[in-house]
Structures are given as structure tokens and as C-alpha cells.
């Protein structure tokens, strides 16, 4: 292979007021209640989740949600274990103030870990059930629980620690359902911060 004379590329200063690109999310397809449920699921096998550390200041979680355009963050540790979740609804509820009063702290001293829903209390759906379900099934599940979000999990099998023991099954968060995303894909306009009960009612009306 002959030597090639590589010339340096031109360089200049960035300058003030520069922005930066973000990945362009493809437009979500419109759906009906009979569409496969996976069409309204944020699939973490394709899209990186928004994560935050438990030690992060609570105010930082709110700003991060705004920056990422999401209303749910997975709370993780350094080994990427999911410790819990925190949502915009948690931040806007009375929960932070109650926790601050109980612990004798100011609200601005709270961390994400103080207010998150711990993993042991987070309700999830199995991906195997979701893969066979329709959008209508997911909507009714969210409605029954009264939640704006639901996590979907599958499993990794890891080698056993000792011979003759069965493999270790580790739960993995595979996807996220969001009521506002379902509304958008069904064609129901949802205002930021809209009342959850009203959103459920609007979707109910649209899919009848």
C-alpha cells in the first residue's frame, strides 16, 4: 500500500450562539386500539432511556426531563442497576414537600432518591404479554392503575454462580408506555401538564 499525503482539514472557531444537533425521532405512526401494543411502546432496544442518579438534586431531574423531552426517568446506579423511577407527576405532586417535612429538609435539599418510586414498588408488564397485546389492552391497563406510565420487562439469563445451580434470571427494563404518547398516536391532542383523568376520558371517547 503506497503512502498517501493526508492534508489537514480547515479549522475555524465555533463562535457565539452555536447550537447542537439532536437525533431526529421518526414520526410515530397513527394507531387504532386494534394496533399492536408495541407500536406505542418506547423500545429500549432501539432508543436509549433517560437515566439519572439517585444522588442528583431534585431540581436537576426536572430540568433533565425538560431537556430530554420526557416525563419519566429511570434512576440507576453506577452498575446500571435500576433503583427506581421518577416522573414529572412525582415532582409536581405533594410528595416532595411531604418528604422534606418528614426529614426536616428544605425542598431544594432533596435528591432524586428521596422522592423516586423504589424498584420494589414499580409495577411492570412482561414483554411476552405485551408482544401479543393491542393498544386497547395497554390503555385499559394504564386506566385501571390510574398511571401515566408503565414499564415493560424481559429477562436476561446469566450463568449460575456454582455448578449444578440454575442460571440466574435478571429482570431487564425493555420498554416504556406513556399515556401522552398513546394519546398522540391515537390523534388526541394533549396539553402539557393536562389533567390525567381528562386525558383518559379523551382517549376513551376517541377509541369508541
Protein backbone atom coordinates (compact mmCIF):
# COMPACT_ATOMS: atom_id res chain seq x y z
CA UNK A 1 0.00 0.00 0.00
CA UNK A 2 1.57 3.28 -1.10
CA UNK A 3 1.96 6.22 1.27
CA UNK A 4 -0.72 8.85 0.92
CA UNK A 5 -0.25 12.53 1.65
CA UNK A 6 -3.09 13.42 4.07
CA UNK A 7 -3.69 17.15 4.21
CA UNK A 8 -5.20 18.65 7.38
CA UNK A 9 -8.75 19.93 7.10
CA UNK A 10 -9.57 23.63 7.52
CA UNK A 11 -10.25 24.68 11.12
CA UNK A 12 -12.07 27.74 12.46
CA UNK A 13 -13.58 28.97 15.74
CA UNK A 14 -17.03 27.82 16.81
CA UNK A 15 -18.18 31.33 17.69
CA UNK A 16 -21.04 32.52 19.88
CA UNK A 17 -24.67 31.28 19.82
CA UNK A 18 -23.91 27.87 18.28
CA UNK A 19 -26.49 25.14 18.83
CA UNK A 20 -26.14 21.39 18.52
CA UNK A 21 -27.96 18.62 16.68
CA UNK A 22 -30.18 16.04 18.34
CA UNK A 23 -31.28 12.71 16.86
CA UNK A 24 -34.45 13.21 14.84
CA UNK A 25 -37.04 10.81 16.19
CA UNK A 26 -39.14 9.34 13.38
CA UNK A 27 -42.75 10.42 13.45
CA UNK A 28 -44.74 7.93 15.49
CA UNK A 29 -47.33 6.11 13.34
CA UNK A 30 -51.01 6.80 13.96
CA UNK A 31 -52.68 3.85 15.62
CA UNK A 32 -56.08 2.42 16.47
CA UNK A 33 -57.00 0.39 19.58
CA UNK A 34 -56.52 -2.76 17.49
CA UNK A 35 -52.92 -1.91 16.53
CA UNK A 36 -50.13 -4.00 18.08
CA UNK A 37 -49.21 -2.64 21.52
CA UNK A 38 -45.52 -2.47 20.60
CA UNK A 39 -46.35 0.37 18.17
CA UNK A 40 -46.92 2.71 21.14
CA UNK A 41 -44.05 1.40 23.29
CA UNK A 42 -40.72 3.18 23.58
CA UNK A 43 -38.44 0.22 22.87
CA UNK A 44 -35.19 0.48 24.82
CA UNK A 45 -33.60 -1.99 22.43
CA UNK A 46 -33.75 0.89 19.91
CA UNK A 47 -33.81 4.09 21.97
CA UNK A 48 -31.54 4.85 24.92
CA UNK A 49 -33.55 5.62 28.07
CA UNK A 50 -33.18 8.83 30.04
CA UNK A 51 -31.47 7.89 33.31
CA UNK A 52 -30.42 9.79 36.41
CA UNK A 53 -28.54 9.01 39.61
CA UNK A 54 -30.32 8.81 42.96
CA UNK A 55 -27.90 11.40 44.37
CA UNK A 56 -28.85 14.05 41.77
CA UNK A 57 -30.65 17.16 43.09
CA UNK A 58 -34.40 17.01 42.60
CA UNK A 59 -34.39 20.28 40.66
CA UNK A 60 -31.89 18.71 38.25
CA UNK A 61 -34.34 15.90 37.49
CA UNK A 62 -36.99 18.38 36.42
CA UNK A 63 -34.57 20.25 34.15
CA UNK A 64 -33.28 16.99 32.67
CA UNK A 65 -36.83 15.87 31.81
CA UNK A 66 -37.44 19.17 30.03
CA UNK A 67 -34.14 18.87 28.13
CA UNK A 68 -34.80 15.27 27.05
CA UNK A 69 -38.50 15.87 26.33
CA UNK A 70 -39.58 13.02 28.62
CA UNK A 71 -41.74 12.73 31.72
CA UNK A 72 -40.12 9.63 33.26
CA UNK A 73 -36.52 8.91 34.24
CA UNK A 74 -35.02 5.57 35.25
CA UNK A 75 -32.99 6.01 38.43
CA UNK A 76 -29.82 3.92 38.14
CA UNK A 77 -26.56 3.28 39.96
CA UNK A 78 -23.00 3.05 38.58
CA UNK A 79 -23.55 -0.60 37.55
CA UNK A 80 -26.73 0.38 35.64
CA UNK A 81 -29.00 -1.38 38.11
CA UNK A 82 -32.45 0.22 38.10
CA UNK A 83 -33.11 1.57 41.59
CA UNK A 84 -36.50 3.11 40.79
CA UNK A 85 -38.30 5.65 38.64
CA UNK A 86 -39.20 9.30 38.98
CA UNK A 87 -41.85 11.05 36.89
CA UNK A 88 -42.96 14.59 36.24
CA UNK A 89 -46.11 13.76 38.22
CA UNK A 90 -43.96 12.86 41.25
CA UNK A 91 -42.20 16.22 41.02
CA UNK A 92 -45.44 18.19 40.69
CA UNK A 93 -47.26 16.30 43.45
CA UNK A 94 -47.23 17.00 47.19
CA UNK A 95 -44.75 14.13 47.66
CA UNK A 96 -41.55 16.28 47.64
CA UNK A 97 -42.98 18.66 50.23
CA UNK A 98 -44.16 15.79 52.44
CA UNK A 99 -40.74 14.13 52.26
CA UNK A 100 -39.00 17.43 53.05
CA UNK A 101 -41.20 17.97 56.11
CA UNK A 102 -40.75 14.37 57.32
CA UNK A 103 -36.96 14.61 57.05
CA UNK A 104 -36.61 18.16 58.29
CA UNK A 105 -35.12 19.34 55.00
CA UNK A 106 -35.77 22.20 52.62
CA UNK A 107 -37.27 21.19 49.30
CA UNK A 108 -34.14 22.35 47.47
CA UNK A 109 -32.07 19.91 49.58
CA UNK A 110 -33.97 16.85 48.33
CA UNK A 111 -32.39 14.37 45.94
CA UNK A 112 -33.97 12.12 43.32
CA UNK A 113 -33.56 9.17 45.70
CA UNK A 114 -35.69 10.93 48.32
CA UNK A 115 -38.72 11.16 46.02
CA UNK A 116 -38.38 8.32 43.47
CA UNK A 117 -40.64 5.27 43.49
CA UNK A 118 -38.28 2.43 44.51
CA UNK A 119 -37.92 -0.52 42.15
CA UNK A 120 -39.66 -2.82 44.64
CA UNK A 121 -42.86 -0.74 44.25
CA UNK A 122 -42.78 -0.21 40.47
CA UNK A 123 -45.44 -2.27 38.69
CA UNK A 124 -44.38 -3.73 35.33
CA UNK A 125 -45.74 -5.76 32.42
CA UNK A 126 -43.95 -8.71 30.80
CA UNK A 127 -42.80 -8.15 27.24
CA UNK A 128 -44.17 -11.59 26.31
CA UNK A 129 -47.69 -10.37 27.22
CA UNK A 130 -47.19 -7.00 25.51
CA UNK A 131 -45.95 -8.62 22.29
CA UNK A 132 -49.31 -10.38 21.91
CA UNK A 133 -51.42 -7.41 23.07
CA UNK A 134 -53.18 -4.49 21.35
CA UNK A 135 -53.08 -0.77 22.08
CA UNK A 136 -56.52 -1.07 23.69
CA UNK A 137 -55.18 -3.57 26.22
CA UNK A 138 -52.38 -1.22 27.26
CA UNK A 139 -54.74 1.75 27.54
CA UNK A 140 -57.11 -0.18 29.81
CA UNK A 141 -54.18 -1.37 31.94
CA UNK A 142 -52.97 2.20 32.47
CA UNK A 143 -56.51 3.32 33.17
CA UNK A 144 -57.07 0.59 35.76
CA UNK A 145 -53.87 1.53 37.61
CA UNK A 146 -54.51 5.26 37.15
CA UNK A 147 -50.93 5.77 35.99
CA UNK A 148 -49.47 7.77 33.13
CA UNK A 149 -46.56 5.37 32.60
CA UNK A 150 -45.83 1.66 32.73
CA UNK A 151 -42.58 -0.23 32.35
CA UNK A 152 -42.22 -3.37 30.26
CA UNK A 153 -39.63 -6.00 31.20
CA UNK A 154 -37.96 -9.01 29.69
CA UNK A 155 -35.20 -11.18 31.13
CA UNK A 156 -31.53 -12.00 30.71
CA UNK A 157 -30.17 -15.37 31.77
CA UNK A 158 -26.76 -15.18 33.39
CA UNK A 159 -24.54 -18.19 34.17
CA UNK A 160 -25.03 -19.83 37.56
CA UNK A 161 -22.52 -18.93 40.25
CA UNK A 162 -21.90 -22.59 41.10
CA UNK A 163 -22.04 -25.85 39.12
CA UNK A 164 -25.43 -27.61 39.01
CA UNK A 165 -27.28 -24.41 40.02
CA UNK A 166 -29.85 -22.99 37.58
CA UNK A 167 -28.94 -19.87 35.55
CA UNK A 168 -29.66 -16.53 37.22
CA UNK A 169 -32.60 -14.66 35.69
CA UNK A 170 -32.12 -10.88 35.69
CA UNK A 171 -35.07 -8.60 35.01
CA UNK A 172 -34.33 -6.03 32.30
CA UNK A 173 -36.45 -2.95 31.55
CA UNK A 174 -37.28 -3.37 27.87
CA UNK A 175 -39.79 -0.61 27.19
CA UNK A 176 -41.90 2.26 28.47
CA UNK A 177 -45.56 3.05 27.82
CA UNK A 178 -46.66 6.66 28.17
CA UNK A 179 -50.27 7.81 28.26
CA UNK A 180 -49.38 11.03 26.42
CA UNK A 181 -47.65 9.09 23.63
CA UNK A 182 -50.66 6.79 23.23
CA UNK A 183 -52.90 9.87 23.05
CA UNK A 184 -50.70 11.48 20.37
CA UNK A 185 -50.61 8.33 18.25
CA UNK A 186 -54.36 7.86 18.51
CA UNK A 187 -54.81 11.50 17.49
CA UNK A 188 -55.90 13.06 20.78
CA UNK A 189 -54.19 16.41 21.45
CA UNK A 190 -52.74 16.54 24.95
CA UNK A 191 -51.73 19.84 26.54
CA UNK A 192 -48.51 19.80 28.63
CA UNK A 193 -49.48 19.19 32.25
CA UNK A 194 -53.01 18.15 31.26
CA UNK A 195 -55.18 16.51 33.91
CA UNK A 196 -54.68 12.73 33.83
CA UNK A 197 -58.36 11.88 34.33
CA UNK A 198 -59.29 14.16 31.43
CA UNK A 199 -56.66 12.56 29.20
CA UNK A 200 -58.07 9.09 29.96
CA UNK A 201 -61.58 10.38 29.17
CA UNK A 202 -60.46 11.96 25.88
CA UNK A 203 -58.75 8.77 24.72
CA UNK A 204 -61.78 6.71 25.80
CA UNK A 205 -64.02 8.92 23.67
CA UNK A 206 -61.66 8.75 20.68
CA UNK A 207 -61.40 4.94 20.62
CA UNK A 208 -65.11 4.19 20.97
